C-alpha cells in the first residue's frame, strides 16, 4: 500500500471529524486495488426486493 503524505493524512482526519465522505481518490490509496462495480440509473433507489419465478 502506498504511504500517505502528512497532508493526505490530515485531510482524511478533517473529513472524518466533519462526518463527511472521503473523496474518491482515497478509496484506492487506502483500500488497494479492490474495485467495486455498481449499476446506476435515473430513479434508482436503495430498496431491495426479491423476485421469485
PDB file of N, CA and C in Angstrom:
ATOM      1  N   UNK A   1       0.850  -1.171   0.000  1.00  0.00           N
ATOM      2  CA  UNK A   1       0.000   0.000   0.000  1.00  0.00           C
ATOM      3  C   UNK A   1       0.901   1.241   0.000  1.00  0.00           C
ATOM      4  N   UNK A   2       0.611   2.216  -0.879  1.00  0.00           N
ATOM      5  CA  UNK A   2       1.419   3.431  -0.894  1.00  0.00           C
ATOM      6  C   UNK A   2       1.265   4.210   0.418  1.00  0.00           C
ATOM      7  N   UNK A   3       2.327   4.804   0.819  1.00  0.00           N
ATOM      8  CA  UNK A   3       2.309   5.580   2.063  1.00  0.00           C
ATOM      9  C   UNK A   3       1.649   6.933   1.808  1.00  0.00           C
ATOM     10  N   UNK A   4       0.757   7.342   2.700  1.00  0.00           N
ATOM     11  CA  UNK A   4       0.089   8.633   2.586  1.00  0.00           C
ATOM     12  C   UNK A   4       1.006   9.741   3.089  1.00  0.00           C
ATOM     13  N   UNK A   5       0.932  10.892   2.430  1.00  0.00           N
ATOM     14  CA  UNK A   5       1.705  12.036   2.894  1.00  0.00           C
ATOM     15  C   UNK A   5       1.052  12.583   4.162  1.00  0.00           C
ATOM     16  N   UNK A   6       1.775  13.397   4.872  1.00  0.00           N
ATOM     17  CA  UNK A   6       1.237  14.030   6.080  1.00  0.00           C
ATOM     18  C   UNK A   6       0.004  14.873   5.724  1.00  0.00           C
ATOM     19  N   UNK A   7       0.068  15.559   4.612  1.00  0.00           N
ATOM     20  CA  UNK A   7      -1.054  16.394   4.164  1.00  0.00           C
ATOM     21  C   UNK A   7      -2.293  15.535   3.867  1.00  0.00           C
ATOM     22  N   UNK A   8      -2.104  14.387   3.215  1.00  0.00           N
ATOM     23  CA  UNK A   8      -3.219  13.482   2.925  1.00  0.00           C
ATOM     24  C   UNK A   8      -3.818  12.931   4.214  1.00  0.00           C
ATOM     25  N   UNK A   9      -2.969  12.582   5.161  1.00  0.00           N
ATOM     26  CA  UNK A   9      -3.456  12.076   6.444  1.00  0.00           C
ATOM     27  C   UNK A   9      -4.293  13.129   7.161  1.00  0.00           C
ATOM     28  N   UNK A  10      -3.826  14.362   7.157  1.00  0.00           N
ATOM     29  CA  UNK A  10      -4.560  15.451   7.807  1.00  0.00           C
ATOM     30  C   UNK A  10      -5.900  15.703   7.118  1.00  0.00           C
ATOM     31  N   UNK A  11      -5.903  15.613   5.778  1.00  0.00           N
ATOM     32  CA  UNK A  11      -7.142  15.817   5.043  1.00  0.00           C
ATOM     33  C   UNK A  11      -8.159  14.731   5.379  1.00  0.00           C
ATOM     34  N   UNK A  12      -7.704  13.489   5.483  1.00  0.00           N
ATOM     35  CA  UNK A  12      -8.593  12.383   5.844  1.00  0.00           C
ATOM     36  C   UNK A  12      -9.185  12.610   7.232  1.00  0.00           C
ATOM     37  N   UNK A  13      -8.361  13.025   8.166  1.00  0.00           N
ATOM     38  CA  UNK A  13      -8.834  13.297   9.530  1.00  0.00           C
ATOM     39  C   UNK A  13      -9.891  14.396   9.511  1.00  0.00           C
ATOM     40  N   UNK A  14      -9.676  15.452   8.727  1.00  0.00           N
ATOM     41  CA  UNK A  14     -10.658  16.551   8.649  1.00  0.00           C
ATOM     42  C   UNK A  14     -12.000  16.054   8.108  1.00  0.00           C
ATOM     43  N   UNK A  15     -11.963  15.204   7.088  1.00  0.00           N
ATOM     44  CA  UNK A  15     -13.212  14.663   6.548  1.00  0.00           C
ATOM     45  C   UNK A  15     -13.921  13.806   7.587  1.00  0.00           C
ATOM     46  N   UNK A  16     -13.183  12.973   8.289  1.00  0.00           N
ATOM     47  CA  UNK A  16     -13.786  12.104   9.303  1.00  0.00           C
ATOM     48  C   UNK A  16     -14.371  12.940  10.440  1.00  0.00           C
ATOM     49  N   UNK A  17     -13.638  13.933  10.915  1.00  0.00           N
ATOM     50  CA  UNK A  17     -14.131  14.788  12.002  1.00  0.00           C
ATOM     51  C   UNK A  17     -15.383  15.554  11.594  1.00  0.00           C
ATOM     52  N   UNK A  18     -15.480  15.901  10.306  1.00  0.00           N
ATOM     53  CA  UNK A  18     -16.646  16.630   9.813  1.00  0.00           C
ATOM     54  C   UNK A  18     -17.783  15.685   9.428  1.00  0.00           C
ATOM     55  N   UNK A  19     -17.584  14.373   9.648  1.00  0.00           N
ATOM     56  CA  UNK A  19     -18.584  13.361   9.318  1.00  0.00           C
ATOM     57  C   UNK A  19     -18.979  13.434   7.844  1.00  0.00           C
ATOM     58  N   UNK A  20     -17.960  13.580   6.988  1.00  0.00           N
ATOM     59  CA  UNK A  20     -18.169  13.670   5.539  1.00  0.00           C
ATOM     60  C   UNK A  20     -17.546  12.451   4.863  1.00  0.00           C
ATOM     61  N   UNK A  21     -18.057  12.126   3.675  1.00  0.00           N
ATOM     62  CA  UNK A  21     -17.488  11.030   2.897  1.00  0.00           C
ATOM     63  C   UNK A  21     -16.107  11.420   2.397  1.00  0.00           C
ATOM     64  N   UNK A  22     -15.216  10.441   2.322  1.00  0.00           N
ATOM     65  CA  UNK A  22     -13.876  10.706   1.795  1.00  0.00           C
ATOM     66  C   UNK A  22     -13.936  10.877   0.287  1.00  0.00           C
ATOM     67  N   UNK A  23     -13.086  11.739  -0.268  1.00  0.00           N
ATOM     68  CA  UNK A  23     -13.014  11.855  -1.720  1.00  0.00           C
ATOM     69  C   UNK A  23     -12.631  10.515  -2.350  1.00  0.00           C
ATOM     70  N   UNK A  24     -13.084  10.297  -3.571  1.00  0.00           N
ATOM     71  CA  UNK A  24     -12.873   9.034  -4.288  1.00  0.00           C
ATOM     72  C   UNK A  24     -11.401   8.641  -4.371  1.00  0.00           C
ATOM     73  N   UNK A  25     -10.510   9.630  -4.468  1.00  0.00           N
ATOM     74  CA  UNK A  25      -9.083   9.315  -4.636  1.00  0.00           C
ATOM     75  C   UNK A  25      -8.531   8.494  -3.474  1.00  0.00           C
ATOM     76  N   UNK A  26      -9.117   8.634  -2.285  1.00  0.00           N
ATOM     77  CA  UNK A  26      -8.611   7.898  -1.129  1.00  0.00           C
ATOM     78  C   UNK A  26      -9.050   6.445  -1.110  1.00  0.00           C
ATOM     79  N   UNK A  27     -10.108   6.110  -1.833  1.00  0.00           N
ATOM     80  CA  UNK A  27     -10.565   4.724  -1.857  1.00  0.00           C
ATOM     81  C   UNK A  27      -9.442   3.815  -2.339  1.00  0.00           C
ATOM     82  N   UNK A  28      -8.746   4.226  -3.381  1.00  0.00           N
ATOM     83  CA  UNK A  28      -7.694   3.386  -3.939  1.00  0.00           C
ATOM     84  C   UNK A  28      -6.396   3.487  -3.140  1.00  0.00           C
ATOM     85  N   UNK A  29      -6.170   4.619  -2.498  1.00  0.00           N
ATOM     86  CA  UNK A  29      -4.973   4.752  -1.667  1.00  0.00           C
ATOM     87  C   UNK A  29      -5.101   3.945  -0.374  1.00  0.00           C
ATOM     88  N   UNK A  30      -6.292   3.899   0.183  1.00  0.00           N
ATOM     89  CA  UNK A  30      -6.495   3.225   1.461  1.00  0.00           C
ATOM     90  C   UNK A  30      -6.828   1.741   1.317  1.00  0.00           C
ATOM     91  N   UNK A  31      -7.480   1.366   0.234  1.00  0.00           N
ATOM     92  CA  UNK A  31      -8.001   0.010   0.119  1.00  0.00           C
ATOM     93  C   UNK A  31      -7.443  -0.737  -1.083  1.00  0.00           C
ATOM     94  N   UNK A  32      -6.254  -0.419  -1.487  1.00  0.00           N
ATOM     95  CA  UNK A  32      -5.542  -1.096  -2.562  1.00  0.00           C
ATOM     96  C   UNK A  32      -6.354  -1.089  -3.852  1.00  0.00           C
ATOM     97  N   UNK A  33      -6.287  -2.170  -4.622  1.00  0.00           N
ATOM     98  CA  UNK A  33      -6.897  -2.207  -5.941  1.00  0.00           C
ATOM     99  C   UNK A  33      -8.211  -2.970  -5.985  1.00  0.00           C
ATOM    100  N   UNK A  34      -8.965  -2.952  -4.933  1.00  0.00           N
ATOM    101  CA  UNK A  34     -10.233  -3.658  -4.915  1.00  0.00           C
ATOM    102  C   UNK A  34     -11.295  -2.772  -5.564  1.00  0.00           C
ATOM    103  N   UNK A  35     -11.777  -3.218  -6.714  1.00  0.00           N
ATOM    104  CA  UNK A  35     -12.771  -2.453  -7.466  1.00  0.00           C
ATOM    105  C   UNK A  35     -14.171  -2.942  -7.122  1.00  0.00           C
ATOM    106  N   UNK A  36     -15.099  -2.036  -7.096  1.00  0.00           N
ATOM    107  CA  UNK A  36     -16.493  -2.374  -6.874  1.00  0.00           C
ATOM    108  C   UNK A  36     -17.286  -1.791  -8.036  1.00  0.00           C
ATOM    109  N   UNK A  37     -18.183  -2.568  -8.578  1.00  0.00           N
ATOM    110  CA  UNK A  37     -18.973  -2.131  -9.717  1.00  0.00           C
ATOM    111  C   UNK A  37     -20.411  -1.946  -9.268  1.00  0.00           C
ATOM    112  N   UNK A  38     -21.041  -0.874  -9.739  1.00  0.00           N
ATOM    113  CA  UNK A  38     -22.426  -0.610  -9.391  1.00  0.00           C
ATOM    114  C   UNK A  38     -23.139  -0.071 -10.621  1.00  0.00           C
ATOM    115  N   UNK A  39     -24.335  -0.567 -10.870  1.00  0.00           N
ATOM    116  CA  UNK A  39     -25.162  -0.022 -11.933  1.00  0.00           C
ATOM    117  C   UNK A  39     -25.925   1.176 -11.385  1.00  0.00           C
ATOM    118  N   UNK A  40     -25.926   2.259 -12.123  1.00  0.00           N
ATOM    119  CA  UNK A  40     -26.590   3.480 -11.682  1.00  0.00           C
ATOM    120  C   UNK A  40     -27.499   3.971 -12.805  1.00  0.00           C
ATOM    121  N   UNK A  41     -28.728   4.352 -12.457  1.00  0.00           N
ATOM    122  CA  UNK A  41     -29.651   4.910 -13.446  1.00  0.00           C
ATOM    123  C   UNK A  41     -30.565   5.901 -12.749  1.00  0.00           C
ATOM    124  N   UNK A  42     -31.174   6.776 -13.557  1.00  0.00           N
ATOM    125  CA  UNK A  42     -32.110   7.765 -13.019  1.00  0.00           C
ATOM    126  C   UNK A  42     -33.259   7.061 -12.316  1.00  0.00           C
ATOM    127  N   UNK A  43     -33.589   7.508 -11.138  1.00  0.00           N
ATOM    128  CA  UNK A  43     -34.685   6.940 -10.380  1.00  0.00           C
ATOM    129  C   UNK A  43     -34.321   5.703  -9.572  1.00  0.00           C
ATOM    130  N   UNK A  44     -33.063   5.301  -9.584  1.00  0.00           N
ATOM    131  CA  UNK A  44     -32.649   4.125  -8.823  1.00  0.00           C
ATOM    132  C   UNK A  44     -32.806   4.409  -7.329  1.00  0.00           C
ATOM    133  N   UNK A  45     -33.305   3.423  -6.588  1.00  0.00           N
ATOM    134  CA  UNK A  45     -33.437   3.563  -5.141  1.00  0.00           C
ATOM    135  C   UNK A  45     -32.572   2.519  -4.450  1.00  0.00           C
ATOM    136  N   UNK A  46     -32.438   2.631  -3.154  1.00  0.00           N
ATOM    137  CA  UNK A  46     -31.662   1.656  -2.407  1.00  0.00           C
ATOM    138  C   UNK A  46     -32.548   0.513  -1.901  1.00  0.00           C
ATOM    139  N   UNK A  47     -33.828   0.535  -2.291  1.00  0.00           N
ATOM    140  CA  UNK A  47     -34.769  -0.512  -1.884  1.00  0.00           C
ATOM    141  C   UNK A  47     -34.353  -1.863  -2.460  1.00  0.00           C
ATOM    142  N   UNK A  48     -34.448  -2.901  -1.657  1.00  0.00           N
ATOM    143  CA  UNK A  48     -34.081  -4.243  -2.084  1.00  0.00           C
ATOM    144  C   UNK A  48     -35.355  -5.073  -2.194  1.00  0.00           C
ATOM    145  N   UNK A  49     -35.457  -5.823  -3.280  1.00  0.00           N
ATOM    146  CA  UNK A  49     -36.621  -6.705  -3.404  1.00  0.00           C
ATOM    147  C   UNK A  49     -36.166  -8.029  -4.018  1.00  0.00           C
ATOM    148  N   UNK A  50     -36.883  -9.087  -3.711  1.00  0.00           N
ATOM    149  CA  UNK A  50     -36.608 -10.418  -4.262  1.00  0.00           C
ATOM    150  C   UNK A  50     -37.721 -10.781  -5.220  1.00  0.00           C
ATOM    151  N   UNK A  51     -37.365 -11.341  -6.343  1.00  0.00           N
ATOM    152  CA  UNK A  51     -38.352 -11.768  -7.325  1.00  0.00           C
ATOM    153  C   UNK A  51     -38.283 -13.285  -7.453  1.00  0.00           C
ATOM    154  N   UNK A  52     -39.386 -13.943  -7.238  1.00  0.00           N
ATOM    155  CA  UNK A  52     -39.441 -15.397  -7.332  1.00  0.00           C
ATOM    156  C   UNK A  52     -40.091 -15.773  -8.642  1.00  0.00           C
ATOM    157  N   UNK A  53     -39.450 -16.589  -9.401  1.00  0.00           N
ATOM    158  CA  UNK A  53     -40.021 -17.039 -10.675  1.00  0.00           C
ATOM    159  C   UNK A  53     -40.544 -18.436 -10.565  1.00  0.00           C
TER     160      UNK A  53
END
